[in-house]
PDB file of N, CA and C in Angstrom:
ATOM      1  N   MET A   1    -102.901  -4.821  56.747  1.00  0.00           N
ATOM      2  CA  MET A   1    -102.169  -3.784  56.437  1.00  0.00           C
ATOM      3  C   MET A   1    -101.332  -4.068  54.998  1.00  0.00           C
ATOM      4  N   SER A   2    -101.312  -3.835  54.058  1.00  0.00           N
ATOM      5  CA  SER A   2    -100.668  -4.460  53.019  1.00  0.00           C
ATOM      6  C   SER A   2     -98.911  -3.970  52.655  1.00  0.00           C
ATOM      7  N   MET A   3     -98.079  -4.615  52.151  1.00  0.00           N
ATOM      8  CA  MET A   3     -96.689  -4.172  52.224  1.00  0.00           C
ATOM      9  C   MET A   3     -96.408  -3.109  51.482  1.00  0.00           C
ATOM     10  N   SER A   4     -97.371  -2.521  50.628  1.00  0.00           N
ATOM     11  CA  SER A   4     -96.857  -1.101  49.716  1.00  0.00           C
ATOM     12  C   SER A   4     -97.197  -0.040  50.783  1.00  0.00           C
ATOM     13  N   THR A   5     -98.272  -0.400  51.888  1.00  0.00           N
ATOM     14  CA  THR A   5     -98.803   0.574  52.716  1.00  0.00           C
ATOM     15  C   THR A   5     -97.320   0.844  53.815  1.00  0.00           C
ATOM     16  N   ILE A   6     -96.668  -0.095  54.286  1.00  0.00           N
ATOM     17  CA  ILE A   6     -95.730  -0.165  55.083  1.00  0.00           C
ATOM     18  C   ILE A   6     -94.424   0.328  54.391  1.00  0.00           C
ATOM     19  N   ASP A   7     -94.196   0.393  53.342  1.00  0.00           N
ATOM     20  CA  ASP A   7     -93.070   0.581  52.432  1.00  0.00           C
ATOM     21  C   ASP A   7     -93.395   2.079  52.409  1.00  0.00           C
ATOM     22  N   GLN A   8     -94.736   2.780  52.007  1.00  0.00           N
ATOM     23  CA  GLN A   8     -94.866   4.130  51.723  1.00  0.00           C
ATOM     24  C   GLN A   8     -94.689   4.978  53.095  1.00  0.00           C
ATOM     25  N   SER A   9     -94.875   4.321  54.075  1.00  0.00           N
ATOM     26  CA  SER A   9     -94.671   4.938  55.266  1.00  0.00           C
ATOM     27  C   SER A   9     -93.434   5.080  55.958  1.00  0.00           C
ATOM     28  N   VAL A  10     -92.668   3.725  56.096  1.00  0.00           N
ATOM     29  CA  VAL A  10     -91.341   3.502  56.502  1.00  0.00           C
ATOM     30  C   VAL A  10     -90.427   3.590  56.195  1.00  0.00           C
ATOM     31  N   MET A  11     -90.131   3.298  54.896  1.00  0.00           N
ATOM     32  CA  MET A  11     -89.090   3.259  53.904  1.00  0.00           C
ATOM     33  C   MET A  11     -87.984   4.398  54.293  1.00  0.00           C
ATOM     34  N   PRO A  12     -88.649   5.778  53.658  1.00  0.00           N
ATOM     35  CA  PRO A  12     -88.105   6.915  53.686  1.00  0.00           C
ATOM     36  C   PRO A  12     -87.171   6.906  55.041  1.00  0.00           C
ATOM     37  N   ALA A  13     -87.948   6.924  56.032  1.00  0.00           N
ATOM     38  CA  ALA A  13     -87.247   6.813  57.295  1.00  0.00           C
ATOM     39  C   ALA A  13     -86.442   6.055  57.902  1.00  0.00           C
ATOM     40  N   PHE A  14     -86.323   4.900  57.272  1.00  0.00           N
ATOM     41  CA  PHE A  14     -85.315   3.792  57.299  1.00  0.00           C
ATOM     42  C   PHE A  14     -83.900   3.862  56.562  1.00  0.00           C
ATOM     43  N   GLU A  15     -84.405   4.580  55.224  1.00  0.00           N
ATOM     44  CA  GLU A  15     -83.246   4.930  54.252  1.00  0.00           C
ATOM     45  C   GLU A  15     -82.458   6.027  54.909  1.00  0.00           C
ATOM     46  N   LYS A  16     -83.260   7.038  55.277  1.00  0.00           N
ATOM     47  CA  LYS A  16     -82.676   8.082  55.976  1.00  0.00           C
ATOM     48  C   LYS A  16     -81.857   7.893  57.308  1.00  0.00           C
ATOM     49  N   TRP A  17     -82.396   6.932  58.060  1.00  0.00           N
ATOM     50  CA  TRP A  17     -81.591   6.205  59.278  1.00  0.00           C
ATOM     51  C   TRP A  17     -80.135   5.442  59.035  1.00  0.00           C
ATOM     52  N   MET A  18     -80.626   4.558  58.031  1.00  0.00           N
ATOM     53  CA  MET A  18     -79.394   3.984  57.398  1.00  0.00           C
ATOM     54  C   MET A  18     -78.271   4.651  57.038  1.00  0.00           C
ATOM     55  N   ALA A  19     -78.418   5.661  56.144  1.00  0.00           N
ATOM     56  CA  ALA A  19     -77.777   6.598  55.443  1.00  0.00           C
ATOM     57  C   ALA A  19     -76.881   7.158  56.839  1.00  0.00           C
ATOM     58  N   GLU A  20     -77.317   7.631  57.945  1.00  0.00           N
ATOM     59  CA  GLU A  20     -76.701   8.439  59.037  1.00  0.00           C
ATOM     60  C   GLU A  20     -76.007   7.139  59.779  1.00  0.00           C
ATOM     61  N   GLN A  21     -76.499   6.252  59.926  1.00  0.00           N
ATOM     62  CA  GLN A  21     -75.663   5.349  60.717  1.00  0.00           C
ATOM     63  C   GLN A  21     -74.357   4.869  59.941  1.00  0.00           C
ATOM     64  N   ILE A  22     -74.261   4.662  58.593  1.00  0.00           N
ATOM     65  CA  ILE A  22     -73.430   4.384  57.676  1.00  0.00           C
ATOM     66  C   ILE A  22     -72.615   5.626  57.760  1.00  0.00           C
ATOM     67  N   ASN A  23     -72.937   6.780  57.653  1.00  0.00           N
ATOM     68  CA  ASN A  23     -71.904   7.725  57.616  1.00  0.00           C
ATOM     69  C   ASN A  23     -71.073   7.996  59.329  1.00  0.00           C
ATOM     70  N   GLN A  24     -71.763   7.918  59.821  1.00  0.00           N
ATOM     71  CA  GLN A  24     -71.393   7.685  61.493  1.00  0.00           C
ATOM     72  C   GLN A  24     -70.506   6.338  61.742  1.00  0.00           C
ATOM     73  N   LEU A  25     -70.946   5.180  60.965  1.00  0.00           N
ATOM     74  CA  LEU A  25     -70.279   4.133  61.386  1.00  0.00           C
ATOM     75  C   LEU A  25     -68.649   4.561  60.496  1.00  0.00           C
ATOM     76  N   SER A  26     -68.943   4.966  59.005  1.00  0.00           N
ATOM     77  CA  SER A  26     -67.674   5.324  58.492  1.00  0.00           C
ATOM     78  C   SER A  26     -66.494   6.264  59.348  1.00  0.00           C
ATOM     79  N   VAL A  27     -67.249   7.310  60.090  1.00  0.00           N
ATOM     80  CA  VAL A  27     -65.931   8.079  60.732  1.00  0.00           C
ATOM     81  C   VAL A  27     -65.741   6.821  61.831  1.00  0.00           C
ATOM     82  N   ASP A  28     -66.402   6.021  62.574  1.00  0.00           N
ATOM     83  CA  ASP A  28     -65.689   5.538  63.509  1.00  0.00           C
ATOM     84  C   ASP A  28     -64.824   4.424  63.052  1.00  0.00           C
ATOM     85  N   THR A  29     -64.552   4.015  61.933  1.00  0.00           N
ATOM     86  CA  THR A  29     -63.855   3.345  61.270  1.00  0.00           C
ATOM     87  C   THR A  29     -62.598   3.335  60.601  1.00  0.00           C
ATOM     88  N   LEU A  30     -62.623   5.016  60.887  1.00  0.00           N
ATOM     89  CA  LEU A  30     -61.342   5.596  60.054  1.00  0.00           C
ATOM     90  C   LEU A  30     -60.083   4.969  60.423  1.00  0.00           C
ATOM     91  N   SER A  31     -59.984   5.060  61.529  1.00  0.00           N
ATOM     92  CA  SER A  31     -58.692   4.626  62.395  1.00  0.00           C
ATOM     93  C   SER A  31     -58.337   3.436  62.242  1.00  0.00           C
ATOM     94  N   LEU A  32     -59.385   2.612  61.774  1.00  0.00           N
ATOM     95  CA  LEU A  32     -58.897   0.919  61.276  1.00  0.00           C
ATOM     96  C   LEU A  32     -58.288   1.134  60.009  1.00  0.00           C
ATOM     97  N   GLY A  33     -58.300   2.161  59.214  1.00  0.00           N
ATOM     98  CA  GLY A  33     -57.948   2.130  57.662  1.00  0.00           C
ATOM     99  C   GLY A  33     -58.670   2.132  56.583  1.00  0.00           C
ATOM    100  N   VAL A  34     -60.245   2.203  57.195  1.00  0.00           N
ATOM    101  CA  VAL A  34     -61.026   1.656  56.526  1.00  0.00           C
ATOM    102  C   VAL A  34     -61.850   3.271  55.375  1.00  0.00           C
ATOM    103  N   LEU A  35     -61.938   3.602  54.587  1.00  0.00           N
ATOM    104  CA  LEU A  35     -62.323   4.455  54.047  1.00  0.00           C
ATOM    105  C   LEU A  35     -63.691   4.046  53.530  1.00  0.00           C
ATOM    106  N   THR A  36     -64.328   5.143  53.425  1.00  0.00           N
ATOM    107  CA  THR A  36     -66.135   4.973  52.663  1.00  0.00           C
ATOM    108  C   THR A  36     -66.568   6.342  52.085  1.00  0.00           C
ATOM    109  N   CYS A  37     -66.650   5.931  50.635  1.00  0.00           N
ATOM    110  CA  CYS A  37     -67.233   7.414  50.126  1.00  0.00           C
ATOM    111  C   CYS A  37     -68.705   6.911  50.239  1.00  0.00           C
ATOM    112  N   THR A  38     -68.890   8.153  51.015  1.00  0.00           N
ATOM    113  CA  THR A  38     -70.433   8.355  51.555  1.00  0.00           C
ATOM    114  C   THR A  38     -71.175   9.607  50.514  1.00  0.00           C
ATOM    115  N   ALA A  39     -70.619   9.600  49.388  1.00  0.00           N
ATOM    116  CA  ALA A  39     -71.303  10.523  48.872  1.00  0.00           C
ATOM    117  C   ALA A  39     -71.473   9.594  47.168  1.00  0.00           C
ATOM    118  N   CYS A  40     -70.818   8.508  47.163  1.00  0.00           N
ATOM    119  CA  CYS A  40     -71.000   7.027  46.313  1.00  0.00           C
ATOM    120  C   CYS A  40     -72.264   6.793  46.055  1.00  0.00           C
ATOM    121  N   PRO A  41     -73.307   6.947  47.035  1.00  0.00           N
ATOM    122  CA  PRO A  41     -74.855   6.428  46.625  1.00  0.00           C
ATOM    123  C   PRO A  41     -75.455   7.224  45.774  1.00  0.00           C
ATOM    124  N   LYS A  42     -75.125   8.636  45.809  1.00  0.00           N
ATOM    125  CA  LYS A  42     -76.411   9.282  45.060  1.00  0.00           C
ATOM    126  C   LYS A  42     -75.711   9.480  43.648  1.00  0.00           C
ATOM    127  N   VAL A  43     -74.261   8.707  43.396  1.00  0.00           N
ATOM    128  CA  VAL A  43     -73.909   8.703  42.251  1.00  0.00           C
ATOM    129  C   VAL A  43     -74.003   7.647  41.183  1.00  0.00           C
ATOM    130  N   LEU A  44     -73.424   6.651  42.111  1.00  0.00           N
ATOM    131  CA  LEU A  44     -73.150   5.156  41.823  1.00  0.00           C
ATOM    132  C   LEU A  44     -74.205   4.549  42.007  1.00  0.00           C
ATOM    133  N   GLY A  45     -75.084   4.651  43.275  1.00  0.00           N
ATOM    134  CA  GLY A  45     -76.297   3.533  43.723  1.00  0.00           C
ATOM    135  C   GLY A  45     -75.506   2.439  45.018  1.00  0.00           C
ATOM    136  N   ASP A  46     -74.207   2.523  45.101  1.00  0.00           N
ATOM    137  CA  ASP A  46     -73.741   1.906  46.090  1.00  0.00           C
ATOM    138  C   ASP A  46     -72.429   2.860  46.297  1.00  0.00           C
ATOM    139  N   TYR A  47     -72.210   2.192  47.722  1.00  0.00           N
ATOM    140  CA  TYR A  47     -70.864   2.763  48.436  1.00  0.00           C
ATOM    141  C   TYR A  47     -69.702   2.289  47.916  1.00  0.00           C
ATOM    142  N   ILE A  48     -68.630   2.691  48.033  1.00  0.00           N
ATOM    143  CA  ILE A  48     -67.171   2.191  47.794  1.00  0.00           C
ATOM    144  C   ILE A  48     -66.399   2.478  49.151  1.00  0.00           C
ATOM    145  N   ILE A  49     -65.959   1.366  49.398  1.00  0.00           N
ATOM    146  CA  ILE A  49     -65.051   1.239  50.429  1.00  0.00           C
ATOM    147  C   ILE A  49     -63.434   0.744  50.212  1.00  0.00           C
ATOM    148  N   GLU A  50     -62.616   1.409  50.714  1.00  0.00           N
ATOM    149  CA  GLU A  50     -61.364   0.999  50.339  1.00  0.00           C
ATOM    150  C   GLU A  50     -60.667   0.552  51.770  1.00  0.00           C
ATOM    151  N   TYR A  51     -60.162  -0.642  51.704  1.00  0.00           N
ATOM    152  CA  TYR A  51     -59.263  -1.169  52.632  1.00  0.00           C
ATOM    153  C   TYR A  51     -58.241  -1.934  52.470  1.00  0.00           C
ATOM    154  N   LYS A  52     -56.853  -1.722  52.870  1.00  0.00           N
ATOM    155  CA  LYS A  52     -55.702  -2.119  52.626  1.00  0.00           C
ATOM    156  C   LYS A  52     -55.243  -1.930  51.287  1.00  0.00           C
ATOM    157  N   GLY A  53     -55.705  -1.026  50.705  1.00  0.00           N
ATOM    158  CA  GLY A  53     -55.283  -0.908  48.986  1.00  0.00           C
ATOM    159  C   GLY A  53     -56.412  -1.412  48.306  1.00  0.00           C
ATOM    160  N   ALA A  54     -57.397  -2.312  48.602  1.00  0.00           N
ATOM    161  CA  ALA A  54     -58.482  -2.434  47.845  1.00  0.00           C
ATOM    162  C   ALA A  54     -59.678  -1.901  47.923  1.00  0.00           C
ATOM    163  N   SER A  55     -60.344  -1.789  46.824  1.00  0.00           N
ATOM    164  CA  SER A  55     -61.668  -1.158  46.843  1.00  0.00           C
ATOM    165  C   SER A  55     -62.963  -2.356  46.345  1.00  0.00           C
ATOM    166  N   MET A  56     -63.809  -1.936  47.275  1.00  0.00           N
ATOM    167  CA  MET A  56     -64.994  -2.776  47.170  1.00  0.00           C
ATOM    168  C   MET A  56     -66.044  -1.876  46.995  1.00  0.00           C
ATOM    169  N   ARG A  57     -67.041  -2.335  45.828  1.00  0.00           N
ATOM    170  CA  ARG A  57     -68.069  -1.421  45.673  1.00  0.00           C
ATOM    171  C   ARG A  57     -69.680  -2.466  46.252  1.00  0.00           C
ATOM    172  N   LEU A  58     -70.277  -1.723  47.383  1.00  0.00           N
ATOM    173  CA  LEU A  58     -71.242  -2.899  48.286  1.00  0.00           C
ATOM    174  C   LEU A  58     -72.113  -2.066  48.395  1.00  0.00           C
ATOM    175  N   SER A  59     -73.807  -2.541  48.423  1.00  0.00           N
ATOM    176  CA  SER A  59     -74.967  -2.180  48.903  1.00  0.00           C
ATOM    177  C   SER A  59     -74.808  -1.515  49.933  1.00  0.00           C
ATOM    178  N   THR A  60     -75.996  -0.955  50.104  1.00  0.00           N
ATOM    179  CA  THR A  60     -76.359  -0.428  51.707  1.00  0.00           C
ATOM    180  C   THR A  60     -76.247  -1.137  52.565  1.00  0.00           C
ATOM    181  N   GLU A  61     -76.805  -2.126  52.772  1.00  0.00           N
ATOM    182  CA  GLU A  61     -77.071  -3.282  53.441  1.00  0.00           C
ATOM    183  C   GLU A  61     -75.716  -3.997  53.628  1.00  0.00           C
ATOM    184  N   LYS A  62     -74.618  -4.428  52.676  1.00  0.00           N
ATOM    185  CA  LYS A  62     -73.771  -4.965  52.969  1.00  0.00           C
ATOM    186  C   LYS A  62     -72.682  -3.791  53.585  1.00  0.00           C
ATOM    187  N   THR A  63     -72.512  -2.550  53.311  1.00  0.00           N
ATOM    188  CA  THR A  63     -72.067  -1.736  53.376  1.00  0.00           C
ATOM    189  C   THR A  63     -72.092  -1.036  55.167  1.00  0.00           C
ATOM    190  N   TYR A  64     -73.163  -1.547  55.244  1.00  0.00           N
ATOM    191  CA  TYR A  64     -73.348  -1.164  57.265  1.00  0.00           C
ATOM    192  C   TYR A  64     -72.714  -2.458  57.820  1.00  0.00           C
ATOM    193  N   ALA A  65     -73.225  -3.645  57.204  1.00  0.00           N
ATOM    194  CA  ALA A  65     -72.589  -5.035  57.911  1.00  0.00           C
ATOM    195  C   ALA A  65     -71.033  -4.773  57.557  1.00  0.00           C
ATOM    196  N   PHE A  66     -70.423  -4.508  56.856  1.00  0.00           N
ATOM    197  CA  PHE A  66     -69.292  -4.532  56.862  1.00  0.00           C
ATOM    198  C   PHE A  66     -68.447  -3.389  57.841  1.00  0.00           C
ATOM    199  N   LEU A  67     -69.255  -2.382  58.031  1.00  0.00           N
ATOM    200  CA  LEU A  67     -68.408  -1.238  59.040  1.00  0.00           C
ATOM    201  C   LEU A  67     -68.951  -1.722  60.212  1.00  0.00           C
ATOM    202  N   GLN A  68     -69.960  -2.595  60.625  1.00  0.00           N
ATOM    203  CA  GLN A  68     -70.363  -2.878  61.784  1.00  0.00           C
ATOM    204  C   GLN A  68     -69.324  -3.838  62.082  1.00  0.00           C
ATOM    205  N   TYR A  69     -69.111  -4.961  60.960  1.00  0.00           N
ATOM    206  CA  TYR A  69     -67.949  -5.813  61.239  1.00  0.00           C
ATOM    207  C   TYR A  69     -66.474  -5.370  62.088  1.00  0.00           C
ATOM    208  N   ALA A  70     -66.031  -4.106  61.442  1.00  0.00           N
ATOM    209  CA  ALA A  70     -64.904  -3.713  61.030  1.00  0.00           C
ATOM    210  C   ALA A  70     -64.876  -2.922  62.740  1.00  0.00           C
ATOM    211  N   LYS A  71     -66.121  -2.051  63.003  1.00  0.00           N
ATOM    212  CA  LYS A  71     -66.232  -1.612  64.393  1.00  0.00           C
ATOM    213  C   LYS A  71     -66.084  -2.831  65.431  1.00  0.00           C
ATOM    214  N   ALA A  72     -66.623  -4.087  65.127  1.00  0.00           N
ATOM    215  CA  ALA A  72     -66.633  -4.686  66.430  1.00  0.00           C
ATOM    216  C   ALA A  72     -65.199  -5.802  66.375  1.00  0.00           C
ATOM    217  N   GLY A  73     -64.190  -5.123  66.136  1.00  0.00           N
ATOM    218  CA  GLY A  73     -62.802  -5.378  65.976  1.00  0.00           C
ATOM    219  C   GLY A  73     -62.365  -6.632  65.514  1.00  0.00           C
ATOM    220  N   GLU A  74     -63.005  -7.069  64.068  1.00  0.00           N
ATOM    221  CA  GLU A  74     -62.685  -8.037  63.452  1.00  0.00           C
ATOM    222  C   GLU A  74     -61.934  -7.528  62.074  1.00  0.00           C
ATOM    223  N   LEU A  75     -61.483  -6.125  62.089  1.00  0.00           N
ATOM    224  CA  LEU A  75     -60.569  -5.623  61.136  1.00  0.00           C
ATOM    225  C   LEU A  75     -59.230  -5.237  62.441  1.00  0.00           C
ATOM    226  N   LYS A  76     -58.128  -5.487  62.084  1.00  0.00           N
ATOM    227  CA  LYS A  76     -57.059  -4.842  62.511  1.00  0.00           C
ATOM    228  C   LYS A  76     -56.396  -3.521  62.350  1.00  0.00           C
ATOM    229  N   ALA A  77     -56.106  -2.404  62.834  1.00  0.00           N
ATOM    230  CA  ALA A  77     -55.845  -1.479  62.337  1.00  0.00           C
ATOM    231  C   ALA A  77     -54.318  -1.549  61.830  1.00  0.00           C
ATOM    232  N   PRO A  78     -54.344  -0.808  60.495  1.00  0.00           N
ATOM    233  CA  PRO A  78     -53.064  -1.110  60.022  1.00  0.00           C
ATOM    234  C   PRO A  78     -51.800  -0.572  60.809  1.00  0.00           C
TER     235      PRO A  78
END
């Protein structure tokens, strides 16, 4: 099986799952003061996260990792 065959069959479902995970994580981390623009990827291609007055523009992968990091307790509530 070639990589292009895997990409065509798996990637759309994976990308949908990743967006759903980020949407849920963005809700889970609101109490920590982390605001995630979940509409941004449709417009900008990246997510924008605001935390403690700073804005970060992150790829999907880094957004998922950062929100998991926050949820794991590595960020303190304001």
